[in-house]
PDB file of N, CA and C in Angstrom:
ATOM      1  N   UNK A   1     110.671  94.724 105.946  1.00  0.00           N
ATOM      2  CA  UNK A   1     110.056  94.791 107.254  1.00  0.00           C
ATOM      3  C   UNK A   1     110.521  93.591 108.078  1.00  0.00           C
ATOM      4  N   UNK A   2     110.855  93.824 109.314  1.00  0.00           N
ATOM      5  CA  UNK A   2     111.282  92.755 110.207  1.00  0.00           C
ATOM      6  C   UNK A   2     110.099  91.879 110.597  1.00  0.00           C
ATOM      7  N   UNK A   3     110.396  90.634 110.860  1.00  0.00           N
ATOM      8  CA  UNK A   3     109.372  89.689 111.288  1.00  0.00           C
ATOM      9  C   UNK A   3     108.951  89.986 112.716  1.00  0.00           C
ATOM     10  N   UNK A   4     107.664  90.021 112.928  1.00  0.00           N
ATOM     11  CA  UNK A   4     107.116  90.164 114.272  1.00  0.00           C
ATOM     12  C   UNK A   4     106.202  88.990 114.491  1.00  0.00           C
ATOM     13  N   UNK A   5     106.411  88.270 115.547  1.00  0.00           N
ATOM     14  CA  UNK A   5     105.596  87.087 115.810  1.00  0.00           C
ATOM     15  C   UNK A   5     105.168  87.090 117.270  1.00  0.00           C
ATOM     16  N   UNK A   6     103.889  86.818 117.470  1.00  0.00           N
ATOM     17  CA  UNK A   6     103.344  86.687 118.815  1.00  0.00           C
ATOM     18  C   UNK A   6     102.766  85.284 118.905  1.00  0.00           C
ATOM     19  N   UNK A   7     103.171  84.562 119.891  1.00  0.00           N
ATOM     20  CA  UNK A   7     102.655  83.214 120.090  1.00  0.00           C
ATOM     21  C   UNK A   7     102.162  83.121 121.523  1.00  0.00           C
ATOM     22  N   UNK A   8     100.952  82.643 121.677  1.00  0.00           N
ATOM     23  CA  UNK A   8     100.348  82.590 123.010  1.00  0.00           C
ATOM     24  C   UNK A   8      99.522  81.322 123.140  1.00  0.00           C
ATOM     25  N   UNK A   9      99.633  80.690 124.282  1.00  0.00           N
ATOM     26  CA  UNK A   9      98.823  79.504 124.552  1.00  0.00           C
ATOM     27  C   UNK A   9      98.383  79.589 126.006  1.00  0.00           C
ATOM     28  N   UNK A  10      97.073  79.455 126.232  1.00  0.00           N
ATOM     29  CA  UNK A  10      96.575  79.503 127.601  1.00  0.00           C
ATOM     30  C   UNK A  10      95.288  78.703 127.719  1.00  0.00           C
ATOM     31  N   UNK A  11      95.015  78.252 128.907  1.00  0.00           N
ATOM     32  CA  UNK A  11      93.781  77.515 129.182  1.00  0.00           C
ATOM     33  C   UNK A  11      92.671  78.511 129.477  1.00  0.00           C
ATOM     34  N   UNK A  12      91.472  78.194 128.993  1.00  0.00           N
ATOM     35  CA  UNK A  12      90.292  79.012 129.279  1.00  0.00           C
ATOM     36  C   UNK A  12      89.063  78.162 129.069  1.00  0.00           C
ATOM     37  N   UNK A  13      87.954  78.639 129.540  1.00  0.00           N
ATOM     38  CA  UNK A  13      86.689  77.948 129.336  1.00  0.00           C
ATOM     39  C   UNK A  13      86.241  78.050 127.888  1.00  0.00           C
ATOM     40  N   UNK A  14      85.409  77.122 127.474  1.00  0.00           N
ATOM     41  CA  UNK A  14      84.891  77.101 126.105  1.00  0.00           C
ATOM     42  C   UNK A  14      84.179  78.404 125.750  1.00  0.00           C
ATOM     43  N   UNK A  15      83.382  78.925 126.699  1.00  0.00           N
ATOM     44  CA  UNK A  15      82.646  80.166 126.459  1.00  0.00           C
ATOM     45  C   UNK A  15      83.598  81.352 126.297  1.00  0.00           C
ATOM     46  N   UNK A  16      84.665  81.370 127.082  1.00  0.00           N
ATOM     47  CA  UNK A  16      85.649  82.446 126.973  1.00  0.00           C
ATOM     48  C   UNK A  16      86.371  82.380 125.620  1.00  0.00           C
ATOM     49  N   UNK A  17      86.678  81.163 125.159  1.00  0.00           N
ATOM     50  CA  UNK A  17      87.308  80.988 123.847  1.00  0.00           C
ATOM     51  C   UNK A  17      86.371  81.480 122.743  1.00  0.00           C
ATOM     52  N   UNK A  18      85.087  81.175 122.862  1.00  0.00           N
ATOM     53  CA  UNK A  18      84.104  81.629 121.879  1.00  0.00           C
ATOM     54  C   UNK A  18      84.020  83.148 121.868  1.00  0.00           C
ATOM     55  N   UNK A  19      84.044  83.774 123.041  1.00  0.00           N
ATOM     56  CA  UNK A  19      84.003  85.234 123.131  1.00  0.00           C
ATOM     57  C   UNK A  19      85.229  85.846 122.457  1.00  0.00           C
ATOM     58  N   UNK A  20      86.395  85.241 122.659  1.00  0.00           N
ATOM     59  CA  UNK A  20      87.625  85.720 122.031  1.00  0.00           C
ATOM     60  C   UNK A  20      87.515  85.654 120.505  1.00  0.00           C
ATOM     61  N   UNK A  21      86.998  84.535 119.984  1.00  0.00           N
ATOM     62  CA  UNK A  21      86.825  84.386 118.541  1.00  0.00           C
ATOM     63  C   UNK A  21      85.805  85.389 117.994  1.00  0.00           C
ATOM     64  N   UNK A  22      84.730  85.639 118.748  1.00  0.00           N
ATOM     65  CA  UNK A  22      83.737  86.647 118.337  1.00  0.00           C
ATOM     66  C   UNK A  22      84.384  88.031 118.245  1.00  0.00           C
ATOM     67  N   UNK A  23      85.232  88.355 119.200  1.00  0.00           N
ATOM     68  CA  UNK A  23      85.911  89.657 119.204  1.00  0.00           C
ATOM     69  C   UNK A  23      86.765  89.817 117.954  1.00  0.00           C
ATOM     70  N   UNK A  24      87.499  88.772 117.606  1.00  0.00           N
ATOM     71  CA  UNK A  24      88.320  88.827 116.394  1.00  0.00           C
ATOM     72  C   UNK A  24      87.441  88.973 115.155  1.00  0.00           C
ATOM     73  N   UNK A  25      86.398  88.165 115.061  1.00  0.00           N
ATOM     74  CA  UNK A  25      85.500  88.208 113.901  1.00  0.00           C
ATOM     75  C   UNK A  25      84.818  89.567 113.774  1.00  0.00           C
ATOM     76  N   UNK A  26      84.341  90.117 114.874  1.00  0.00           N
ATOM     77  CA  UNK A  26      83.686  91.431 114.848  1.00  0.00           C
ATOM     78  C   UNK A  26      84.648  92.516 114.392  1.00  0.00           C
ATOM     79  N   UNK A  27      85.880  92.456 114.860  1.00  0.00           N
ATOM     80  CA  UNK A  27      86.879  93.447 114.479  1.00  0.00           C
ATOM     81  C   UNK A  27      87.167  93.374 112.979  1.00  0.00           C
ATOM     82  N   UNK A  28      87.324  92.174 112.450  1.00  0.00           N
ATOM     83  CA  UNK A  28      87.573  92.020 111.014  1.00  0.00           C
ATOM     84  C   UNK A  28      86.387  92.505 110.184  1.00  0.00           C
ATOM     85  N   UNK A  29      85.181  92.223 110.622  1.00  0.00           N
ATOM     86  CA  UNK A  29      83.987  92.620 109.878  1.00  0.00           C
ATOM     87  C   UNK A  29      83.785  94.130 109.890  1.00  0.00           C
ATOM     88  N   UNK A  30      84.109  94.775 111.007  1.00  0.00           N
ATOM     89  CA  UNK A  30      83.872  96.218 111.152  1.00  0.00           C
ATOM     90  C   UNK A  30      84.922  97.080 110.490  1.00  0.00           C
ATOM     91  N   UNK A  31      86.197  96.718 110.639  1.00  0.00           N
ATOM     92  CA  UNK A  31      87.225  97.669 110.230  1.00  0.00           C
ATOM     93  C   UNK A  31      88.356  97.079 109.401  1.00  0.00           C
ATOM     94  N   UNK A  32      88.218  95.858 108.953  1.00  0.00           N
ATOM     95  CA  UNK A  32      89.278  95.217 108.168  1.00  0.00           C
ATOM     96  C   UNK A  32      90.631  95.301 108.852  1.00  0.00           C
ATOM     97  N   UNK A  33      90.619  95.176 110.159  1.00  0.00           N
ATOM     98  CA  UNK A  33      91.852  95.205 110.936  1.00  0.00           C
ATOM     99  C   UNK A  33      91.608  94.490 112.249  1.00  0.00           C
ATOM    100  N   UNK A  34      92.701  94.230 112.922  1.00  0.00           N
ATOM    101  CA  UNK A  34      92.628  93.578 114.215  1.00  0.00           C
ATOM    102  C   UNK A  34      93.554  94.321 115.163  1.00  0.00           C
ATOM    103  N   UNK A  35      93.033  94.743 116.298  1.00  0.00           N
ATOM    104  CA  UNK A  35      93.839  95.410 117.309  1.00  0.00           C
ATOM    105  C   UNK A  35      94.027  94.468 118.487  1.00  0.00           C
ATOM    106  N   UNK A  36      95.275  94.250 118.847  1.00  0.00           N
ATOM    107  CA  UNK A  36      95.612  93.399 119.981  1.00  0.00           C
ATOM    108  C   UNK A  36      96.423  94.209 120.976  1.00  0.00           C
ATOM    109  N   UNK A  37      96.236  93.930 122.239  1.00  0.00           N
ATOM    110  CA  UNK A  37      97.071  94.540 123.270  1.00  0.00           C
ATOM    111  C   UNK A  37      97.767  93.409 124.001  1.00  0.00           C
ATOM    112  N   UNK A  38      99.095  93.392 123.930  1.00  0.00           N
ATOM    113  CA  UNK A  38      99.907  92.377 124.584  1.00  0.00           C
ATOM    114  C   UNK A  38     101.031  93.069 125.337  1.00  0.00           C
ATOM    115  N   UNK A  39     101.124  92.759 126.613  1.00  0.00           N
ATOM    116  CA  UNK A  39     102.168  93.342 127.465  1.00  0.00           C
ATOM    117  C   UNK A  39     102.165  94.866 127.409  1.00  0.00           C
ATOM    118  N   UNK A  40     100.955  95.443 127.356  1.00  0.00           N
ATOM    119  CA  UNK A  40     100.823  96.900 127.353  1.00  0.00           C
ATOM    120  C   UNK A  40     101.107  97.558 126.019  1.00  0.00           C
ATOM    121  N   UNK A  41     101.363  96.771 124.986  1.00  0.00           N
ATOM    122  CA  UNK A  41     101.660  97.312 123.660  1.00  0.00           C
ATOM    123  C   UNK A  41     100.492  97.025 122.734  1.00  0.00           C
ATOM    124  N   UNK A  42      99.996  98.075 122.062  1.00  0.00           N
ATOM    125  CA  UNK A  42      98.891  97.906 121.115  1.00  0.00           C
ATOM    126  C   UNK A  42      99.461  97.567 119.742  1.00  0.00           C
ATOM    127  N   UNK A  43      98.934  96.501 119.157  1.00  0.00           N
ATOM    128  CA  UNK A  43      99.372  96.044 117.842  1.00  0.00           C
ATOM    129  C   UNK A  43      98.181  96.138 116.899  1.00  0.00           C
ATOM    130  N   UNK A  44      98.359  96.862 115.802  1.00  0.00           N
ATOM    131  CA  UNK A  44      97.303  97.047 114.803  1.00  0.00           C
ATOM    132  C   UNK A  44      97.691  96.254 113.557  1.00  0.00           C
ATOM    133  N   UNK A  45      96.876  95.267 113.202  1.00  0.00           N
ATOM    134  CA  UNK A  45      97.154  94.419 112.044  1.00  0.00           C
ATOM    135  C   UNK A  45      96.119  94.738 110.970  1.00  0.00           C
ATOM    136  N   UNK A  46      96.568  95.292 109.850  1.00  0.00           N
ATOM    137  CA  UNK A  46      95.669  95.576 108.729  1.00  0.00           C
ATOM    138  C   UNK A  46      95.415  94.290 107.958  1.00  0.00           C
ATOM    139  N   UNK A  47      94.157  94.086 107.582  1.00  0.00           N
ATOM    140  CA  UNK A  47      93.761  92.876 106.869  1.00  0.00           C
ATOM    141  C   UNK A  47      93.068  93.305 105.574  1.00  0.00           C
ATOM    142  N   UNK A  48      93.524  92.799 104.422  1.00  0.00           N
ATOM    143  CA  UNK A  48      92.910  93.189 103.151  1.00  0.00           C
ATOM    144  C   UNK A  48      91.509  92.599 102.998  1.00  0.00           C
ATOM    145  N   UNK A  49      90.819  93.035 101.951  1.00  0.00           N
ATOM    146  CA  UNK A  49      89.458  92.561 101.699  1.00  0.00           C
ATOM    147  C   UNK A  49      89.401  91.067 101.377  1.00  0.00           C
ATOM    148  N   UNK A  50      90.466  90.526 100.791  1.00  0.00           N
ATOM    149  CA  UNK A  50      90.478  89.104 100.439  1.00  0.00           C
ATOM    150  C   UNK A  50      91.598  88.389 101.182  1.00  0.00           C
ATOM    151  N   UNK A  51      91.249  87.289 101.839  1.00  0.00           N
ATOM    152  CA  UNK A  51      92.206  86.496 102.616  1.00  0.00           C
ATOM    153  C   UNK A  51      92.047  85.022 102.259  1.00  0.00           C
ATOM    154  N   UNK A  52      92.983  84.229 102.714  1.00  0.00           N
ATOM    155  CA  UNK A  52      92.890  82.773 102.590  1.00  0.00           C
ATOM    156  C   UNK A  52      92.647  82.217 103.984  1.00  0.00           C
ATOM    157  N   UNK A  53      91.612  81.420 104.128  1.00  0.00           N
ATOM    158  CA  UNK A  53      91.292  80.822 105.411  1.00  0.00           C
ATOM    159  C   UNK A  53      91.534  79.322 105.326  1.00  0.00           C
ATOM    160  N   UNK A  54      92.287  78.811 106.281  1.00  0.00           N
ATOM    161  CA  UNK A  54      92.578  77.379 106.327  1.00  0.00           C
ATOM    162  C   UNK A  54      92.018  76.817 107.628  1.00  0.00           C
ATOM    163  N   UNK A  55      91.296  75.735 107.528  1.00  0.00           N
ATOM    164  CA  UNK A  55      90.699  75.082 108.687  1.00  0.00           C
ATOM    165  C   UNK A  55      91.218  73.654 108.761  1.00  0.00           C
ATOM    166  N   UNK A  56      91.710  73.282 109.929  1.00  0.00           N
ATOM    167  CA  UNK A  56      92.219  71.934 110.139  1.00  0.00           C
ATOM    168  C   UNK A  56      91.581  71.368 111.402  1.00  0.00           C
ATOM    169  N   UNK A  57      90.994  70.195 111.291  1.00  0.00           N
ATOM    170  CA  UNK A  57      90.368  69.528 112.426  1.00  0.00           C
ATOM    171  C   UNK A  57      91.063  68.186 112.617  1.00  0.00           C
ATOM    172  N   UNK A  58      91.512  67.935 113.839  1.00  0.00           N
ATOM    173  CA  UNK A  58      92.127  66.656 114.173  1.00  0.00           C
ATOM    174  C   UNK A  58      91.339  66.040 115.327  1.00  0.00           C
ATOM    175  N   UNK A  59      90.881  64.815 115.138  1.00  0.00           N
ATOM    176  CA  UNK A  59      90.120  64.120 116.167  1.00  0.00           C
ATOM    177  C   UNK A  59      90.871  62.844 116.529  1.00  0.00           C
ATOM    178  N   UNK A  60      91.265  62.765 117.784  1.00  0.00           N
ATOM    179  CA  UNK A  60      91.963  61.593 118.284  1.00  0.00           C
ATOM    180  C   UNK A  60      91.205  61.090 119.511  1.00  0.00           C
ATOM    181  N   UNK A  61      91.550  59.926 119.984  1.00  0.00           N
ATOM    182  CA  UNK A  61      90.828  59.347 121.113  1.00  0.00           C
ATOM    183  C   UNK A  61      91.046  60.123 122.405  1.00  0.00           C
ATOM    184  N   UNK A  62      92.228  60.703 122.602  1.00  0.00           N
ATOM    185  CA  UNK A  62      92.512  61.394 123.860  1.00  0.00           C
ATOM    186  C   UNK A  62      92.597  62.912 123.736  1.00  0.00           C
ATOM    187  N   UNK A  63      92.717  63.434 122.526  1.00  0.00           N
ATOM    188  CA  UNK A  63      92.833  64.879 122.351  1.00  0.00           C
ATOM    189  C   UNK A  63      92.395  65.256 120.947  1.00  0.00           C
ATOM    190  N   UNK A  64      91.668  66.352 120.829  1.00  0.00           N
ATOM    191  CA  UNK A  64      91.239  66.848 119.520  1.00  0.00           C
ATOM    192  C   UNK A  64      91.610  68.313 119.409  1.00  0.00           C
ATOM    193  N   UNK A  65      91.649  68.828 118.175  1.00  0.00           N
ATOM    194  CA  UNK A  65      91.983  70.244 117.997  1.00  0.00           C
ATOM    195  C   UNK A  65      91.347  70.794 116.734  1.00  0.00           C
ATOM    196  N   UNK A  66      91.153  72.093 116.764  1.00  0.00           N
ATOM    197  CA  UNK A  66      90.702  72.849 115.593  1.00  0.00           C
ATOM    198  C   UNK A  66      91.716  73.978 115.420  1.00  0.00           C
ATOM    199  N   UNK A  67      92.284  74.086 114.231  1.00  0.00           N
ATOM    200  CA  UNK A  67      93.213  75.165 113.931  1.00  0.00           C
ATOM    201  C   UNK A  67      92.613  76.008 112.813  1.00  0.00           C
ATOM    202  N   UNK A  68      92.589  77.320 113.031  1.00  0.00           N
ATOM    203  CA  UNK A  68      92.084  78.252 112.040  1.00  0.00           C
ATOM    204  C   UNK A  68      93.212  79.216 111.703  1.00  0.00           C
ATOM    205  N   UNK A  69      93.555  79.300 110.445  1.00  0.00           N
ATOM    206  CA  UNK A  69      94.622  80.203 110.007  1.00  0.00           C
ATOM    207  C   UNK A  69      94.083  81.116 108.928  1.00  0.00           C
ATOM    208  N   UNK A  70      94.295  82.409 109.098  1.00  0.00           N
ATOM    209  CA  UNK A  70      93.909  83.401 108.095  1.00  0.00           C
ATOM    210  C   UNK A  70      95.192  84.059 107.613  1.00  0.00           C
ATOM    211  N   UNK A  71      95.408  84.019 106.312  1.00  0.00           N
ATOM    212  CA  UNK A  71      96.633  84.610 105.766  1.00  0.00           C
ATOM    213  C   UNK A  71      96.315  85.436 104.530  1.00  0.00           C
ATOM    214  N   UNK A  72      97.261  86.286 104.156  1.00  0.00           N
ATOM    215  CA  UNK A  72      97.118  87.113 102.957  1.00  0.00           C
ATOM    216  C   UNK A  72      98.475  87.478 102.432  1.00  0.00           C
TER     217      UNK A  72
END
C-alpha cells in the first residue's frame, strides 16, 4: 500500500480545538474508525480495538505544546 500522509496546522480557539478532539474521540468510541474530509475528499481510517497512545508535553517559558499520537 502506498503511503498517504495528511499534515495540517492552523490557528483556532481553545474551545474549537477541544471540539475537534471530542469529534475524533467520539468517532473512535462509536465506530472504531475516523472519517475525515479534506479538500472535498472523504478519508476513512479504520482503527483496531487495541492501539498505542503516546503523550508528550513540553513546557517552556515562551511556548508549550501537547502532542498526542495514536498508532497501531
